[in-house]
Amino acid sequence: MKKWRCIMIDHHEDVGKMIEIWQGNGWRLHTYSCAQLRGSHINHYLLFEREE
């Protein structure tokens, strides 16, 4: 059975660091996307998966 975690990051400079942390803890990056909200504010979403 798979476990899933979706992480929201506010600043693009933190995306790579967050991927390294989660992959170091046994998670695999499944999907990355971003969405622009109100002007210049952009949220980045990382979806991780791991086998149980």
PDB file of N, CA and C in Angstrom:
ATOM      1  N   MET A   1       0.841  -1.180   0.000  1.00  0.00           N
ATOM      2  CA  MET A   1       0.000   0.000   0.000  1.00  0.00           C
ATOM      3  C   MET A   1       0.887   1.245   0.000  1.00  0.00           C
ATOM      4  N   LYS A   2       0.504   2.244  -0.764  1.00  0.00           N
ATOM      5  CA  LYS A   2       1.278   3.473  -0.861  1.00  0.00           C
ATOM      6  C   LYS A   2       0.748   4.528   0.093  1.00  0.00           C
ATOM      7  N   LYS A   3       1.674   5.333   0.595  1.00  0.00           N
ATOM      8  CA  LYS A   3       1.335   6.518   1.372  1.00  0.00           C
ATOM      9  C   LYS A   3       1.651   7.722   0.496  1.00  0.00           C
ATOM     10  N   TRP A   4       0.871   8.778   0.639  1.00  0.00           N
ATOM     11  CA  TRP A   4       1.042   9.986  -0.159  1.00  0.00           C
ATOM     12  C   TRP A   4       1.121  11.203   0.757  1.00  0.00           C
ATOM     13  N   ARG A   5       1.953  12.176   0.402  1.00  0.00           N
ATOM     14  CA  ARG A   5       2.029  13.435   1.135  1.00  0.00           C
ATOM     15  C   ARG A   5       2.160  14.571   0.133  1.00  0.00           C
ATOM     16  N   CYS A   6       1.338  15.594   0.288  1.00  0.00           N
ATOM     17  CA  CYS A   6       1.411  16.779  -0.557  1.00  0.00           C
ATOM     18  C   CYS A   6       1.973  17.921   0.290  1.00  0.00           C
ATOM     19  N   ILE A   7       3.036  18.529  -0.203  1.00  0.00           N
ATOM     20  CA  ILE A   7       3.716  19.593   0.518  1.00  0.00           C
ATOM     21  C   ILE A   7       3.581  20.881  -0.286  1.00  0.00           C
ATOM     22  N   MET A   8       3.166  21.968   0.378  1.00  0.00           N
ATOM     23  CA  MET A   8       3.077  23.269  -0.276  1.00  0.00           C
ATOM     24  C   MET A   8       4.288  24.102   0.138  1.00  0.00           C
ATOM     25  N   ILE A   9       4.932  24.740  -0.854  1.00  0.00           N
ATOM     26  CA  ILE A   9       6.097  25.577  -0.605  1.00  0.00           C
ATOM     27  C   ILE A   9       5.807  26.950  -1.204  1.00  0.00           C
ATOM     28  N   ASP A  10       6.107  27.994  -0.440  1.00  0.00           N
ATOM     29  CA  ASP A  10       5.816  29.356  -0.891  1.00  0.00           C
ATOM     30  C   ASP A  10       6.857  29.916  -1.854  1.00  0.00           C
ATOM     31  N   HIS A  11       8.115  29.557  -1.689  1.00  0.00           N
ATOM     32  CA  HIS A  11       9.166  30.179  -2.499  1.00  0.00           C
ATOM     33  C   HIS A  11       9.910  29.145  -3.324  1.00  0.00           C
ATOM     34  N   HIS A  12      10.103  29.432  -4.600  1.00  0.00           N
ATOM     35  CA  HIS A  12      10.718  28.467  -5.520  1.00  0.00           C
ATOM     36  C   HIS A  12      12.128  28.058  -5.102  1.00  0.00           C
ATOM     37  N   GLU A  13      12.837  28.898  -4.375  1.00  0.00           N
ATOM     38  CA  GLU A  13      14.203  28.555  -3.957  1.00  0.00           C
ATOM     39  C   GLU A  13      14.224  27.395  -2.961  1.00  0.00           C
ATOM     40  N   ASP A  14      13.101  27.095  -2.310  1.00  0.00           N
ATOM     41  CA  ASP A  14      13.034  26.014  -1.322  1.00  0.00           C
ATOM     42  C   ASP A  14      12.644  24.674  -1.930  1.00  0.00           C
ATOM     43  N   VAL A  15      12.262  24.644  -3.209  1.00  0.00           N
ATOM     44  CA  VAL A  15      11.780  23.410  -3.833  1.00  0.00           C
ATOM     45  C   VAL A  15      12.848  22.320  -3.827  1.00  0.00           C
ATOM     46  N   GLY A  16      14.045  22.620  -4.318  1.00  0.00           N
ATOM     47  CA  GLY A  16      15.109  21.621  -4.384  1.00  0.00           C
ATOM     48  C   GLY A  16      15.504  21.101  -3.018  1.00  0.00           C
ATOM     49  N   LYS A  17      15.599  22.003  -2.045  1.00  0.00           N
ATOM     50  CA  LYS A  17      15.966  21.612  -0.684  1.00  0.00           C
ATOM     51  C   LYS A  17      14.919  20.668  -0.092  1.00  0.00           C
ATOM     52  N   MET A  18      13.647  20.972  -0.325  1.00  0.00           N
ATOM     53  CA  MET A  18      12.569  20.143   0.214  1.00  0.00           C
ATOM     54  C   MET A  18      12.561  18.761  -0.435  1.00  0.00           C
ATOM     55  N   ILE A  19      12.820  18.695  -1.740  1.00  0.00           N
ATOM     56  CA  ILE A  19      12.893  17.394  -2.421  1.00  0.00           C
ATOM     57  C   ILE A  19      14.012  16.555  -1.826  1.00  0.00           C
ATOM     58  N   GLU A  20      15.184  17.141  -1.602  1.00  0.00           N
ATOM     59  CA  GLU A  20      16.308  16.421  -1.006  1.00  0.00           C
ATOM     60  C   GLU A  20      15.957  15.881   0.375  1.00  0.00           C
ATOM     61  N   ILE A  21      15.306  16.688   1.186  1.00  0.00           N
ATOM     62  CA  ILE A  21      14.935  16.266   2.545  1.00  0.00           C
ATOM     63  C   ILE A  21      13.979  15.082   2.496  1.00  0.00           C
ATOM     64  N   TRP A  22      12.912  15.197   1.697  1.00  0.00           N
ATOM     65  CA  TRP A  22      11.910  14.134   1.646  1.00  0.00           C
ATOM     66  C   TRP A  22      12.462  12.859   1.022  1.00  0.00           C
ATOM     67  N   GLN A  23      13.269  12.977  -0.039  1.00  0.00           N
ATOM     68  CA  GLN A  23      13.848  11.781  -0.647  1.00  0.00           C
ATOM     69  C   GLN A  23      14.849  11.135   0.293  1.00  0.00           C
ATOM     70  N   GLY A  24      15.532  11.919   1.091  1.00  0.00           N
ATOM     71  CA  GLY A  24      16.438  11.386   2.098  1.00  0.00           C
ATOM     72  C   GLY A  24      15.721  10.606   3.181  1.00  0.00           C
ATOM     73  N   ASN A  25      14.422  10.883   3.348  1.00  0.00           N
ATOM     74  CA  ASN A  25      13.604  10.177   4.341  1.00  0.00           C
ATOM     75  C   ASN A  25      12.801   9.033   3.729  1.00  0.00           C
ATOM     76  N   GLY A  26      13.156   8.636   2.504  1.00  0.00           N
ATOM     77  CA  GLY A  26      12.534   7.466   1.892  1.00  0.00           C
ATOM     78  C   GLY A  26      11.326   7.730   1.004  1.00  0.00           C
ATOM     79  N   TRP A  27      11.000   8.985   0.744  1.00  0.00           N
ATOM     80  CA  TRP A  27       9.879   9.330  -0.122  1.00  0.00           C
ATOM     81  C   TRP A  27      10.383   9.555  -1.543  1.00  0.00           C
ATOM     82  N   ARG A  28       9.513   9.337  -2.535  1.00  0.00           N
ATOM     83  CA  ARG A  28       9.848   9.554  -3.935  1.00  0.00           C
ATOM     84  C   ARG A  28       8.930  10.642  -4.483  1.00  0.00           C
ATOM     85  N   LEU A  29       9.530  11.623  -5.177  1.00  0.00           N
ATOM     86  CA  LEU A  29       8.732  12.695  -5.775  1.00  0.00           C
ATOM     87  C   LEU A  29       7.881  12.115  -6.898  1.00  0.00           C
ATOM     88  N   HIS A  30       6.586  12.295  -6.792  1.00  0.00           N
ATOM     89  CA  HIS A  30       5.646  11.778  -7.799  1.00  0.00           C
ATOM     90  C   HIS A  30       5.250  12.881  -8.788  1.00  0.00           C
ATOM     91  N   THR A  31       4.897  14.053  -8.258  1.00  0.00           N
ATOM     92  CA  THR A  31       4.412  15.147  -9.090  1.00  0.00           C
ATOM     93  C   THR A  31       4.839  16.485  -8.509  1.00  0.00           C
ATOM     94  N   TYR A  32       5.129  17.420  -9.403  1.00  0.00           N
ATOM     95  CA  TYR A  32       5.418  18.799  -9.011  1.00  0.00           C
ATOM     96  C   TYR A  32       4.515  19.718  -9.836  1.00  0.00           C
ATOM     97  N   SER A  33       3.891  20.674  -9.179  1.00  0.00           N
ATOM     98  CA  SER A  33       3.118  21.674  -9.921  1.00  0.00           C
ATOM     99  C   SER A  33       3.151  22.990  -9.153  1.00  0.00           C
ATOM    100  N   CYS A  34       2.718  24.046  -9.804  1.00  0.00           N
ATOM    101  CA  CYS A  34       2.652  25.337  -9.128  1.00  0.00           C
ATOM    102  C   CYS A  34       1.398  26.074  -9.588  1.00  0.00           C
ATOM    103  N   ALA A  35       0.966  27.011  -8.755  1.00  0.00           N
ATOM    104  CA  ALA A  35      -0.228  27.791  -9.063  1.00  0.00           C
ATOM    105  C   ALA A  35      -0.001  29.229  -8.626  1.00  0.00           C
ATOM    106  N   GLN A  36      -0.355  30.157  -9.492  1.00  0.00           N
ATOM    107  CA  GLN A  36      -0.212  31.571  -9.170  1.00  0.00           C
ATOM    108  C   GLN A  36      -1.499  32.077  -8.540  1.00  0.00           C
ATOM    109  N   LEU A  37      -1.345  32.747  -7.423  1.00  0.00           N
ATOM    110  CA  LEU A  37      -2.492  33.287  -6.694  1.00  0.00           C
ATOM    111  C   LEU A  37      -2.317  34.785  -6.492  1.00  0.00           C
ATOM    112  N   ARG A  38      -3.319  35.541  -6.806  1.00  0.00           N
ATOM    113  CA  ARG A  38      -3.349  36.981  -6.528  1.00  0.00           C
ATOM    114  C   ARG A  38      -2.043  37.699  -6.830  1.00  0.00           C
ATOM    115  N   GLY A  39      -1.870  38.113  -8.023  1.00  0.00           N
ATOM    116  CA  GLY A  39      -0.685  38.888  -8.392  1.00  0.00           C
ATOM    117  C   GLY A  39       0.535  38.013  -8.602  1.00  0.00           C
ATOM    118  N   SER A  40       1.579  38.273  -7.831  1.00  0.00           N
ATOM    119  CA  SER A  40       2.834  37.566  -8.048  1.00  0.00           C
ATOM    120  C   SER A  40       3.064  36.419  -7.070  1.00  0.00           C
ATOM    121  N   HIS A  41       2.137  36.137  -6.170  1.00  0.00           N
ATOM    122  CA  HIS A  41       2.308  35.057  -5.195  1.00  0.00           C
ATOM    123  C   HIS A  41       2.119  33.699  -5.878  1.00  0.00           C
ATOM    124  N   ILE A  42       3.118  32.824  -5.771  1.00  0.00           N
ATOM    125  CA  ILE A  42       3.066  31.510  -6.403  1.00  0.00           C
ATOM    126  C   ILE A  42       3.297  30.430  -5.362  1.00  0.00           C
ATOM    127  N   ASN A  43       2.417  29.459  -5.306  1.00  0.00           N
ATOM    128  CA  ASN A  43       2.590  28.292  -4.438  1.00  0.00           C
ATOM    129  C   ASN A  43       3.089  27.126  -5.274  1.00  0.00           C
ATOM    130  N   HIS A  44       4.016  26.372  -4.710  1.00  0.00           N
ATOM    131  CA  HIS A  44       4.577  25.192  -5.369  1.00  0.00           C
ATOM    132  C   HIS A  44       4.118  23.972  -4.584  1.00  0.00           C
ATOM    133  N   TYR A  45       3.668  22.945  -5.284  1.00  0.00           N
ATOM    134  CA  TYR A  45       3.134  21.743  -4.644  1.00  0.00           C
ATOM    135  C   TYR A  45       3.958  20.532  -5.052  1.00  0.00           C
ATOM    136  N   LEU A  46       4.404  19.779  -4.069  1.00  0.00           N
ATOM    137  CA  LEU A  46       5.178  18.560  -4.293  1.00  0.00           C
ATOM    138  C   LEU A  46       4.369  17.398  -3.748  1.00  0.00           C
ATOM    139  N   LEU A  47       4.110  16.410  -4.577  1.00  0.00           N
ATOM    140  CA  LEU A  47       3.399  15.220  -4.149  1.00  0.00           C
ATOM    141  C   LEU A  47       4.406  14.064  -4.064  1.00  0.00           C
ATOM    142  N   PHE A  48       4.566  13.522  -2.867  1.00  0.00           N
ATOM    143  CA  PHE A  48       5.507  12.437  -2.620  1.00  0.00           C
ATOM    144  C   PHE A  48       4.751  11.136  -2.370  1.00  0.00           C
ATOM    145  N   GLU A  49       5.397  10.023  -2.687  1.00  0.00           N
ATOM    146  CA  GLU A  49       4.806   8.708  -2.414  1.00  0.00           C
ATOM    147  C   GLU A  49       5.857   7.803  -1.779  1.00  0.00           C
ATOM    148  N   ARG A  50       5.370   6.799  -1.040  1.00  0.00           N
ATOM    149  CA  ARG A  50       6.256   5.830  -0.398  1.00  0.00           C
ATOM    150  C   ARG A  50       5.481   4.529  -0.200  1.00  0.00           C
ATOM    151  N   GLU A  51       6.157   3.430  -0.431  1.00  0.00           N
ATOM    152  CA  GLU A  51       5.553   2.114  -0.180  1.00  0.00           C
ATOM    153  C   GLU A  51       5.523   1.837   1.306  1.00  0.00           C
ATOM    154  N   GLU A  52       4.457   1.247   1.781  1.00  0.00           N
ATOM    155  CA  GLU A  52       4.343   0.843   3.191  1.00  0.00           C
ATOM    156  C   GLU A  52       4.778  -0.571   3.357  1.00  0.00           C
TER     157      GLU A  52
END
